[in-house]
Amino acid sequence: MTNHIAGATLDQERALYHLQNADVESCTFSGPADGESALKECRNIAVKNSLFDLRYPLWHVQGAALDECRMTENCRAALWYCSDVSLNDCRLEGIKAVRECSSAALSNCKIISPEFGWQCNGLRLANCTLESEYAFLHTQNLTLEGTQLHGKYSFQYVDGATISNCQLDTKDAFWHSRNITVTDSVIRGEYLGWYSDGLTLVNCRIIGTQPLCYCKNLRLIHCTMEQADLSFEYSDMTADISGEILSVKNPLSGQIVADSIGEVILSDSIYPTDCRIIERK
């Protein structure tokens, strides 16, 4: 039997604690009691067209679908320790919005959340916009599709990710990441991918200074590079670049093929370097 809660305003502590097999519709979680953890430890719930304005609303939830909901900037740490949850057409505005969750899927959401998506497993974003200073730290098995990201320190220590048709505007992306594949995307920012292992970029537009240094098992396939000076320092790679690279500095090993390279710097290396560098022109 499914419980149905509609049109309620709830502000008390743990207002719907351990709610099970229930629909929650057009409710407001706000008020003078300022209670936290409204939907903690819930199971198999559907929440639609509701407003969350209090802290920690969904913790340890197993099985939840949220549609057309808003979580304000007061809604701190909205989803932690949750599994098998989906959010569609939602707006998330609070810090630390999703953390330590497994099998969480967000679609058509607008997210403004510093420190978003940390230490998750199986996190998926589709057709979302995300503004986050520090996104996806230590997350595993991440999927992004059709998503626009604006941030600073994104994808650090991520292990396993598939990213396609995205716009990534983010400094220091993919540092210390492992086993990442990015296709048909624009990546804009400084110091891309340093210390990564197994980063593969396919049909990507790469924009920014000093990209892809200290990388292991780096692959670039049919990519373009803009403003890319001092590229590939001490990296092991295979790179096929359409157009020009401004400069390449002391690549460690592998092969770089480009239409043209403005400058090749092979001096003052502290490691032995043995990389083939080929200009098509």
C-alpha atoms as a PDB file:
ATOM      1  CA  MET A   1       0.000   0.000   0.000  1.00  0.00           C
ATOM      2  CA  THR A   2       1.343   3.448  -0.946  1.00  0.00           C
ATOM      3  CA  ASN A   3       1.033   6.398   1.389  1.00  0.00           C
ATOM      4  CA  HIS A   4       0.251   9.778  -0.177  1.00  0.00           C
ATOM      5  CA  ILE A   5       1.310  13.041   1.434  1.00  0.00           C
ATOM      6  CA  ALA A   6       0.302  16.197  -0.441  1.00  0.00           C
ATOM      7  CA  GLY A   7       0.317  19.943   0.170  1.00  0.00           C
ATOM      8  CA  ALA A   8       1.921  19.766   3.607  1.00  0.00           C
ATOM      9  CA  THR A   9       4.352  22.225   5.191  1.00  0.00           C
ATOM     10  CA  LEU A  10       6.820  20.361   7.373  1.00  0.00           C
ATOM     11  CA  ASP A  11       9.531  21.956   9.510  1.00  0.00           C
ATOM     12  CA  GLN A  12      10.014  19.634  12.441  1.00  0.00           C
ATOM     13  CA  GLU A  13      13.088  17.462  13.063  1.00  0.00           C
ATOM     14  CA  ARG A  14      13.001  14.219  11.015  1.00  0.00           C
ATOM     15  CA  ALA A  15       9.544  15.145   9.778  1.00  0.00           C
ATOM     16  CA  LEU A  16       9.047  12.019   7.628  1.00  0.00           C
ATOM     17  CA  TYR A  17      11.687   9.775   9.150  1.00  0.00           C
ATOM     18  CA  HIS A  18      11.750   6.222   7.718  1.00  0.00           C
ATOM     19  CA  LEU A  19       8.830   6.880   5.387  1.00  0.00           C
ATOM     20  CA  GLN A  20       8.304   3.855   3.129  1.00  0.00           C
ATOM     21  CA  ASN A  21       6.464   3.179  -0.136  1.00  0.00           C
ATOM     22  CA  ALA A  22       5.087   6.706  -0.300  1.00  0.00           C
ATOM     23  CA  ASP A  23       4.359   9.585  -2.660  1.00  0.00           C
ATOM     24  CA  VAL A  24       5.170  13.096  -1.464  1.00  0.00           C
ATOM     25  CA  GLU A  25       3.702  15.851  -3.638  1.00  0.00           C
ATOM     26  CA  SER A  26       3.639  19.671  -3.508  1.00  0.00           C
ATOM     27  CA  CYS A  27       5.111  19.800  -0.019  1.00  0.00           C
ATOM     28  CA  THR A  28       7.280  22.487   1.580  1.00  0.00           C
ATOM     29  CA  PHE A  29      10.059  21.583   3.983  1.00  0.00           C
ATOM     30  CA  SER A  30      10.600  24.914   5.724  1.00  0.00           C
ATOM     31  CA  GLY A  31       9.477  26.810   8.788  1.00  0.00           C
ATOM     32  CA  PRO A  32      10.337  28.185  12.231  1.00  0.00           C
ATOM     33  CA  ALA A  33      11.071  24.826  13.838  1.00  0.00           C
ATOM     34  CA  ASP A  34      14.102  24.627  11.491  1.00  0.00           C
ATOM     35  CA  GLY A  35      14.208  20.840  11.729  1.00  0.00           C
ATOM     36  CA  GLU A  36      16.845  18.796   9.934  1.00  0.00           C
ATOM     37  CA  SER A  37      16.822  15.422   8.155  1.00  0.00           C
ATOM     38  CA  ALA A  38      13.231  15.447   6.910  1.00  0.00           C
ATOM     39  CA  LEU A  39      13.448  12.269   4.824  1.00  0.00           C
ATOM     40  CA  LYS A  40      16.227  10.391   6.578  1.00  0.00           C
ATOM     41  CA  GLU A  41      16.275   6.579   6.283  1.00  0.00           C
ATOM     42  CA  CYS A  42      13.349   6.496   3.849  1.00  0.00           C
ATOM     43  CA  ARG A  43      12.685   3.614   1.463  1.00  0.00           C
ATOM     44  CA  ASN A  44      11.037   3.628  -1.980  1.00  0.00           C
ATOM     45  CA  ILE A  45       9.625   7.127  -2.121  1.00  0.00           C
ATOM     46  CA  ALA A  46       8.591   9.460  -4.939  1.00  0.00           C
ATOM     47  CA  VAL A  47       8.791  13.214  -4.337  1.00  0.00           C
ATOM     48  CA  LYS A  48       7.292  15.681  -6.810  1.00  0.00           C
ATOM     49  CA  ASN A  49       6.981  19.456  -7.065  1.00  0.00           C
ATOM     50  CA  SER A  50       8.300  20.065  -3.558  1.00  0.00           C
ATOM     51  CA  LEU A  51      10.504  22.718  -1.945  1.00  0.00           C
ATOM     52  CA  PHE A  52      13.354  21.892   0.425  1.00  0.00           C
ATOM     53  CA  ASP A  53      14.697  24.791   2.493  1.00  0.00           C
ATOM     54  CA  LEU A  54      16.200  22.926   5.464  1.00  0.00           C
ATOM     55  CA  ARG A  55      19.440  21.002   5.982  1.00  0.00           C
ATOM     56  CA  TYR A  56      20.246  17.331   5.311  1.00  0.00           C
ATOM     57  CA  PRO A  57      16.877  16.237   3.889  1.00  0.00           C
ATOM     58  CA  LEU A  58      17.810  12.884   2.301  1.00  0.00           C
ATOM     59  CA  TRP A  59      20.375  10.799   4.183  1.00  0.00           C
ATOM     60  CA  HIS A  60      20.606   6.993   4.059  1.00  0.00           C
ATOM     61  CA  VAL A  61      17.682   6.840   1.621  1.00  0.00           C
ATOM     62  CA  GLN A  62      17.290   3.696  -0.487  1.00  0.00           C
ATOM     63  CA  GLY A  63      15.147   4.069  -3.585  1.00  0.00           C
ATOM     64  CA  ALA A  64      13.877   7.574  -4.350  1.00  0.00           C
ATOM     65  CA  ALA A  65      12.656   9.503  -7.390  1.00  0.00           C
ATOM     66  CA  LEU A  66      12.516  13.292  -7.212  1.00  0.00           C
ATOM     67  CA  ASP A  67      10.808  15.295  -9.960  1.00  0.00           C
ATOM     68  CA  GLU A  68      10.465  19.064 -10.296  1.00  0.00           C
ATOM     69  CA  CYS A  69      11.841  19.761  -6.853  1.00  0.00           C
ATOM     70  CA  ARG A  70      13.937  22.667  -5.609  1.00  0.00           C
ATOM     71  CA  MET A  71      16.584  22.542  -2.912  1.00  0.00           C
ATOM     72  CA  THR A  72      17.554  26.077  -1.876  1.00  0.00           C
ATOM     73  CA  GLU A  73      20.966  27.329  -0.774  1.00  0.00           C
ATOM     74  CA  ASN A  74      19.839  26.636   2.796  1.00  0.00           C
ATOM     75  CA  CYS A  75      19.480  22.967   1.904  1.00  0.00           C
ATOM     76  CA  ARG A  76      22.987  21.919   2.912  1.00  0.00           C
ATOM     77  CA  ALA A  77      24.259  18.407   2.142  1.00  0.00           C
ATOM     78  CA  ALA A  78      21.019  17.338   0.524  1.00  0.00           C
ATOM     79  CA  LEU A  79      21.795  13.728  -0.424  1.00  0.00           C
ATOM     80  CA  TRP A  80      24.377  11.695   1.509  1.00  0.00           C
ATOM     81  CA  TYR A  81      24.755   7.916   1.822  1.00  0.00           C
ATOM     82  CA  CYS A  82      21.834   7.323  -0.563  1.00  0.00           C
ATOM     83  CA  SER A  83      21.444   4.546  -3.122  1.00  0.00           C
ATOM     84  CA  ASP A  84      19.274   4.044  -6.189  1.00  0.00           C
ATOM     85  CA  VAL A  85      17.995   7.605  -6.408  1.00  0.00           C
ATOM     86  CA  SER A  86      17.013   9.726  -9.402  1.00  0.00           C
ATOM     87  CA  LEU A  87      16.425  13.450  -9.807  1.00  0.00           C
ATOM     88  CA  ASN A  88      14.716  14.899 -12.873  1.00  0.00           C
ATOM     89  CA  ASP A  89      14.037  18.571 -13.626  1.00  0.00           C
ATOM     90  CA  CYS A  90      15.289  19.545 -10.183  1.00  0.00           C
ATOM     91  CA  ARG A  91      17.241  22.559  -8.969  1.00  0.00           C
ATOM     92  CA  LEU A  92      19.962  22.042  -6.344  1.00  0.00           C
ATOM     93  CA  GLU A  93      21.484  25.162  -4.809  1.00  0.00           C
ATOM     94  CA  GLY A  94      23.071  24.051  -1.537  1.00  0.00           C
ATOM     95  CA  ILE A  95      26.689  23.162  -0.810  1.00  0.00           C
ATOM     96  CA  LYS A  96      27.697  19.467  -0.862  1.00  0.00           C
ATOM     97  CA  ALA A  97      24.494  18.479  -2.632  1.00  0.00           C
ATOM     98  CA  VAL A  98      25.374  14.846  -3.415  1.00  0.00           C
ATOM     99  CA  ARG A  99      28.025  12.899  -1.529  1.00  0.00           C
ATOM    100  CA  GLU A 100      28.876   9.246  -0.854  1.00  0.00           C
ATOM    101  CA  CYS A 101      25.909   8.050  -2.891  1.00  0.00           C
ATOM    102  CA  SER A 102      25.703   4.986  -5.114  1.00  0.00           C
ATOM    103  CA  SER A 103      23.669   4.668  -8.310  1.00  0.00           C
ATOM    104  CA  ALA A 104      22.420   8.256  -8.313  1.00  0.00           C
ATOM    105  CA  ALA A 105      21.129   9.673 -11.612  1.00  0.00           C
ATOM    106  CA  LEU A 106      20.396  13.328 -12.351  1.00  0.00           C
ATOM    107  CA  SER A 107      18.763  14.488 -15.572  1.00  0.00           C
ATOM    108  CA  ASN A 108      17.762  17.947 -16.779  1.00  0.00           C
ATOM    109  CA  CYS A 109      18.838  19.445 -13.462  1.00  0.00           C
ATOM    110  CA  LYS A 110      20.363  22.820 -12.659  1.00  0.00           C
ATOM    111  CA  ILE A 111      22.984  22.489  -9.951  1.00  0.00           C
ATOM    112  CA  ILE A 112      24.849  25.232  -8.098  1.00  0.00           C
ATOM    113  CA  SER A 113      26.781  23.412  -5.418  1.00  0.00           C
ATOM    114  CA  PRO A 114      30.386  23.777  -4.251  1.00  0.00           C
ATOM    115  CA  GLU A 115      31.963  20.397  -3.490  1.00  0.00           C
ATOM    116  CA  PHE A 116      29.439  18.474  -5.560  1.00  0.00           C
ATOM    117  CA  GLY A 117      29.462  14.719  -6.147  1.00  0.00           C
ATOM    118  CA  TRP A 118      32.285  13.644  -3.835  1.00  0.00           C
ATOM    119  CA  GLN A 119      33.060   9.982  -3.147  1.00  0.00           C
ATOM    120  CA  CYS A 120      30.159   8.575  -5.141  1.00  0.00           C
ATOM    121  CA  ASN A 121      29.954   5.343  -7.127  1.00  0.00           C
ATOM    122  CA  GLY A 122      27.868   5.097 -10.282  1.00  0.00           C
ATOM    123  CA  LEU A 123      26.891   8.778 -10.390  1.00  0.00           C
ATOM    124  CA  ARG A 124      25.247   9.811 -13.694  1.00  0.00           C
ATOM    125  CA  LEU A 125      24.412  13.278 -15.040  1.00  0.00           C
ATOM    126  CA  ALA A 126      22.542  13.834 -18.301  1.00  0.00           C
ATOM    127  CA  ASN A 127      21.635  17.199 -19.823  1.00  0.00           C
ATOM    128  CA  CYS A 128      22.457  19.079 -16.630  1.00  0.00           C
ATOM    129  CA  THR A 129      24.148  22.383 -15.898  1.00  0.00           C
ATOM    130  CA  LEU A 130      26.571  22.306 -13.009  1.00  0.00           C
ATOM    131  CA  GLU A 131      28.406  25.122 -11.264  1.00  0.00           C
ATOM    132  CA  SER A 132      30.775  23.682  -8.695  1.00  0.00           C
ATOM    133  CA  GLU A 133      34.154  24.852  -7.502  1.00  0.00           C
ATOM    134  CA  TYR A 134      35.246  21.334  -6.575  1.00  0.00           C
ATOM    135  CA  ALA A 135      33.254  18.614  -8.350  1.00  0.00           C
ATOM    136  CA  PHE A 136      33.459  14.806  -8.240  1.00  0.00           C
ATOM    137  CA  LEU A 137      36.436  14.349  -5.898  1.00  0.00           C
ATOM    138  CA  HIS A 138      37.296  10.643  -5.432  1.00  0.00           C
ATOM    139  CA  THR A 139      34.185   9.485  -7.324  1.00  0.00           C
ATOM    140  CA  GLN A 140      34.154   6.155  -9.202  1.00  0.00           C
ATOM    141  CA  ASN A 141      32.297   5.024 -12.325  1.00  0.00           C
ATOM    142  CA  LEU A 142      31.045   8.452 -13.297  1.00  0.00           C
ATOM    143  CA  THR A 143      28.957   9.154 -16.422  1.00  0.00           C
ATOM    144  CA  LEU A 144      28.321  12.613 -17.887  1.00  0.00           C
ATOM    145  CA  GLU A 145      26.356  13.249 -21.068  1.00  0.00           C
ATOM    146  CA  GLY A 146      25.242  16.549 -22.584  1.00  0.00           C
ATOM    147  CA  THR A 147      26.262  18.414 -19.447  1.00  0.00           C
ATOM    148  CA  GLN A 148      27.728  21.900 -18.997  1.00  0.00           C
ATOM    149  CA  LEU A 149      30.193  22.271 -16.146  1.00  0.00           C
ATOM    150  CA  HIS A 150      31.727  25.471 -14.798  1.00  0.00           C
ATOM    151  CA  GLY A 151      34.216  24.901 -12.003  1.00  0.00           C
ATOM    152  CA  LYS A 152      37.815  25.001 -10.842  1.00  0.00           C
ATOM    153  CA  TYR A 153      39.147  21.702  -9.492  1.00  0.00           C
ATOM    154  CA  SER A 154      37.029  19.060 -11.174  1.00  0.00           C
ATOM    155  CA  PHE A 155      37.383  15.278 -11.447  1.00  0.00           C
ATOM    156  CA  GLN A 156      40.358  15.009  -9.093  1.00  0.00           C
ATOM    157  CA  TYR A 157      41.134  11.394  -8.194  1.00  0.00           C
ATOM    158  CA  VAL A 158      38.133  10.167 -10.209  1.00  0.00           C
ATOM    159  CA  ASP A 159      38.526   6.470 -11.097  1.00  0.00           C
ATOM    160  CA  GLY A 160      36.524   5.392 -14.128  1.00  0.00           C
ATOM    161  CA  ALA A 161      34.470   7.907 -16.087  1.00  0.00           C
ATOM    162  CA  THR A 162      32.734   8.219 -19.454  1.00  0.00           C
ATOM    163  CA  ILE A 163      32.048  11.776 -20.593  1.00  0.00           C
ATOM    164  CA  SER A 164      30.389  12.673 -23.900  1.00  0.00           C
ATOM    165  CA  ASN A 165      28.999  15.773 -25.629  1.00  0.00           C
ATOM    166  CA  CYS A 166      29.870  18.006 -22.686  1.00  0.00           C
ATOM    167  CA  GLN A 167      31.132  21.541 -22.206  1.00  0.00           C
ATOM    168  CA  LEU A 168      33.755  21.538 -19.452  1.00  0.00           C
ATOM    169  CA  ASP A 169      35.048  24.920 -18.317  1.00  0.00           C
ATOM    170  CA  THR A 170      37.249  24.044 -15.385  1.00  0.00           C
ATOM    171  CA  LYS A 171      40.773  24.658 -14.148  1.00  0.00           C
ATOM    172  CA  ASP A 172      42.956  21.739 -13.061  1.00  0.00           C
ATOM    173  CA  ALA A 173      40.563  19.099 -14.385  1.00  0.00           C
ATOM    174  CA  PHE A 174      41.293  15.365 -14.094  1.00  0.00           C
ATOM    175  CA  TRP A 175      44.318  15.655 -11.796  1.00  0.00           C
ATOM    176  CA  HIS A 176      45.371  12.204 -10.543  1.00  0.00           C
ATOM    177  CA  SER A 177      42.385  10.664 -12.357  1.00  0.00           C
ATOM    178  CA  ARG A 178      42.390   7.128 -13.731  1.00  0.00           C
ATOM    179  CA  ASN A 179      40.644   5.464 -16.675  1.00  0.00           C
ATOM    180  CA  ILE A 180      38.717   8.424 -18.088  1.00  0.00           C
ATOM    181  CA  THR A 181      37.316   8.648 -21.634  1.00  0.00           C
ATOM    182  CA  VAL A 182      36.031  11.973 -22.956  1.00  0.00           C
ATOM    183  CA  THR A 183      34.444  12.172 -26.420  1.00  0.00           C
ATOM    184  CA  ASP A 184      32.977  14.959 -28.571  1.00  0.00           C
ATOM    185  CA  SER A 185      33.468  17.566 -25.863  1.00  0.00           C
ATOM    186  CA  VAL A 186      34.993  20.997 -25.293  1.00  0.00           C
ATOM    187  CA  ILE A 187      37.482  21.211 -22.417  1.00  0.00           C
ATOM    188  CA  ARG A 188      38.567  24.705 -21.426  1.00  0.00           C
ATOM    189  CA  GLY A 189      40.943  25.450 -18.575  1.00  0.00           C
ATOM    190  CA  GLU A 190      44.501  25.603 -17.327  1.00  0.00           C
ATOM    191  CA  TYR A 191      46.726  22.630 -16.477  1.00  0.00           C
ATOM    192  CA  LEU A 192      44.458  19.908 -17.825  1.00  0.00           C
ATOM    193  CA  GLY A 193      44.929  16.338 -16.710  1.00  0.00           C
ATOM    194  CA  TRP A 194      48.220  16.495 -14.815  1.00  0.00           C
ATOM    195  CA  TYR A 195      49.256  13.207 -13.156  1.00  0.00           C
ATOM    196  CA  SER A 196      46.399  11.305 -14.821  1.00  0.00           C
ATOM    197  CA  ASP A 197      46.679   7.649 -15.837  1.00  0.00           C
ATOM    198  CA  GLY A 198      44.601   6.273 -18.717  1.00  0.00           C
ATOM    199  CA  LEU A 199      43.042   9.544 -19.894  1.00  0.00           C
ATOM    200  CA  THR A 200      41.625   9.243 -23.424  1.00  0.00           C
ATOM    201  CA  LEU A 201      40.284  12.255 -25.347  1.00  0.00           C
ATOM    202  CA  VAL A 202      38.459  11.625 -28.631  1.00  0.00           C
ATOM    203  CA  ASN A 203      37.197  14.349 -30.982  1.00  0.00           C
ATOM    204  CA  CYS A 204      37.689  16.955 -28.285  1.00  0.00           C
ATOM    205  CA  ARG A 205      38.517  20.649 -28.448  1.00  0.00           C
ATOM    206  CA  ILE A 206      41.145  21.412 -25.818  1.00  0.00           C
ATOM    207  CA  ILE A 207      41.709  25.049 -24.822  1.00  0.00           C
ATOM    208  CA  GLY A 208      44.240  26.339 -22.293  1.00  0.00           C
ATOM    209  CA  THR A 209      47.828  26.625 -21.162  1.00  0.00           C
ATOM    210  CA  GLN A 210      50.190  23.814 -20.106  1.00  0.00           C
ATOM    211  CA  PRO A 211      47.873  20.869 -20.737  1.00  0.00           C
ATOM    212  CA  LEU A 212      48.488  17.206 -20.084  1.00  0.00           C
ATOM    213  CA  CYS A 213      51.776  17.054 -18.202  1.00  0.00           C
ATOM    214  CA  TYR A 214      53.087  14.141 -16.111  1.00  0.00           C
ATOM    215  CA  CYS A 215      50.470  11.828 -17.682  1.00  0.00           C
ATOM    216  CA  LYS A 216      50.671   8.068 -18.061  1.00  0.00           C
ATOM    217  CA  ASN A 217      48.914   6.148 -20.859  1.00  0.00           C
ATOM    218  CA  LEU A 218      47.539   9.342 -22.387  1.00  0.00           C
ATOM    219  CA  ARG A 219      45.706   9.115 -25.730  1.00  0.00           C
ATOM    220  CA  LEU A 220      44.414  11.948 -27.900  1.00  0.00           C
ATOM    221  CA  ILE A 221      42.488  10.947 -31.019  1.00  0.00           C
ATOM    222  CA  HIS A 222      41.405  13.536 -33.614  1.00  0.00           C
ATOM    223  CA  CYS A 223      41.553  16.410 -31.135  1.00  0.00           C
ATOM    224  CA  THR A 224      42.310  20.106 -31.571  1.00  0.00           C
ATOM    225  CA  MET A 225      44.341  22.262 -29.211  1.00  0.00           C
ATOM    226  CA  GLU A 226      44.137  26.030 -28.699  1.00  0.00           C
ATOM    227  CA  GLN A 227      46.333  28.258 -26.521  1.00  0.00           C
ATOM    228  CA  ALA A 228      48.200  25.061 -25.699  1.00  0.00           C
ATOM    229  CA  ASP A 229      51.742  26.040 -24.812  1.00  0.00           C
ATOM    230  CA  LEU A 230      54.279  23.916 -22.903  1.00  0.00           C
ATOM    231  CA  SER A 231      52.187  20.842 -23.607  1.00  0.00           C
ATOM    232  CA  PHE A 232      52.860  17.231 -22.596  1.00  0.00           C
ATOM    233  CA  GLU A 233      55.827  17.767 -20.278  1.00  0.00           C
ATOM    234  CA  TYR A 234      57.021  14.389 -18.962  1.00  0.00           C
ATOM    235  CA  SER A 235      53.992  12.550 -20.378  1.00  0.00           C
ATOM    236  CA  ASP A 236      53.773   9.081 -21.931  1.00  0.00           C
ATOM    237  CA  MET A 237      51.296   9.368 -24.789  1.00  0.00           C
ATOM    238  CA  THR A 238      49.918   8.800 -28.249  1.00  0.00           C
ATOM    239  CA  ALA A 239      48.491  12.027 -29.664  1.00  0.00           C
ATOM    240  CA  ASP A 240      46.920  12.836 -33.047  1.00  0.00           C
ATOM    241  CA  ILE A 241      46.172  16.569 -33.249  1.00  0.00           C
ATOM    242  CA  SER A 242      44.395  18.432 -36.021  1.00  0.00           C
ATOM    243  CA  GLY A 243      45.798  21.945 -36.419  1.00  0.00           C
ATOM    244  CA  GLU A 244      48.561  23.588 -34.417  1.00  0.00           C
ATOM    245  CA  ILE A 245      50.052  23.053 -30.981  1.00  0.00           C
ATOM    246  CA  LEU A 246      51.703  26.248 -29.744  1.00  0.00           C
ATOM    247  CA  SER A 247      54.544  24.421 -28.031  1.00  0.00           C
ATOM    248  CA  VAL A 248      55.575  20.983 -26.806  1.00  0.00           C
ATOM    249  CA  LYS A 249      58.018  20.611 -23.926  1.00  0.00           C
ATOM    250  CA  ASN A 250      60.024  17.511 -23.010  1.00  0.00           C
ATOM    251  CA  PRO A 251      57.454  14.771 -23.677  1.00  0.00           C
ATOM    252  CA  LEU A 252      58.606  11.593 -22.002  1.00  0.00           C
ATOM    253  CA  SER A 253      57.664   8.845 -24.476  1.00  0.00           C
ATOM    254  CA  GLY A 254      55.276   7.790 -27.228  1.00  0.00           C
ATOM    255  CA  GLN A 255      54.313   9.804 -30.302  1.00  0.00           C
ATOM    256  CA  ILE A 256      52.821  13.206 -31.118  1.00  0.00           C
ATOM    257  CA  VAL A 257      51.453  13.928 -34.584  1.00  0.00           C
ATOM    258  CA  ALA A 258      50.115  17.389 -35.434  1.00  0.00           C
ATOM    259  CA  ASP A 259      49.584  19.545 -38.503  1.00  0.00           C
ATOM    260  CA  SER A 260      52.068  22.025 -37.054  1.00  0.00           C
ATOM    261  CA  ILE A 261      53.910  22.712 -33.825  1.00  0.00           C
ATOM    262  CA  GLY A 262      55.006  26.253 -33.084  1.00  0.00           C
ATOM    263  CA  GLU A 263      57.935  25.270 -30.868  1.00  0.00           C
ATOM    264  CA  VAL A 264      59.475  22.033 -29.667  1.00  0.00           C
ATOM    265  CA  ILE A 265      61.440  22.465 -26.440  1.00  0.00           C
ATOM    266  CA  LEU A 266      63.826  19.613 -25.709  1.00  0.00           C
ATOM    267  CA  SER A 267      66.140  20.977 -23.041  1.00  0.00           C
ATOM    268  CA  ASP A 268      66.685  20.981 -19.295  1.00  0.00           C
ATOM    269  CA  SER A 269      64.824  17.706 -18.869  1.00  0.00           C
ATOM    270  CA  ILE A 270      65.423  15.882 -15.617  1.00  0.00           C
ATOM    271  CA  TYR A 271      64.213  12.602 -17.177  1.00  0.00           C
ATOM    272  CA  PRO A 272      65.345  10.744 -20.307  1.00  0.00           C
ATOM    273  CA  THR A 273      62.909  11.627 -23.109  1.00  0.00           C
ATOM    274  CA  ASP A 274      62.206   9.492 -26.168  1.00  0.00           C
ATOM    275  CA  CYS A 275      59.085  10.700 -27.922  1.00  0.00           C
ATOM    276  CA  ARG A 276      58.533  10.892 -31.687  1.00  0.00           C
ATOM    277  CA  ILE A 277      57.273  14.321 -32.742  1.00  0.00           C
ATOM    278  CA  ILE A 278      55.859  14.522 -36.275  1.00  0.00           C
ATOM    279  CA  GLU A 279      54.499  17.501 -38.197  1.00  0.00           C
ATOM    280  CA  ARG A 280      52.228  16.664 -41.142  1.00  0.00           C
ATOM    281  CA  LYS A 281      53.092  19.837 -43.053  1.00  0.00           C
END
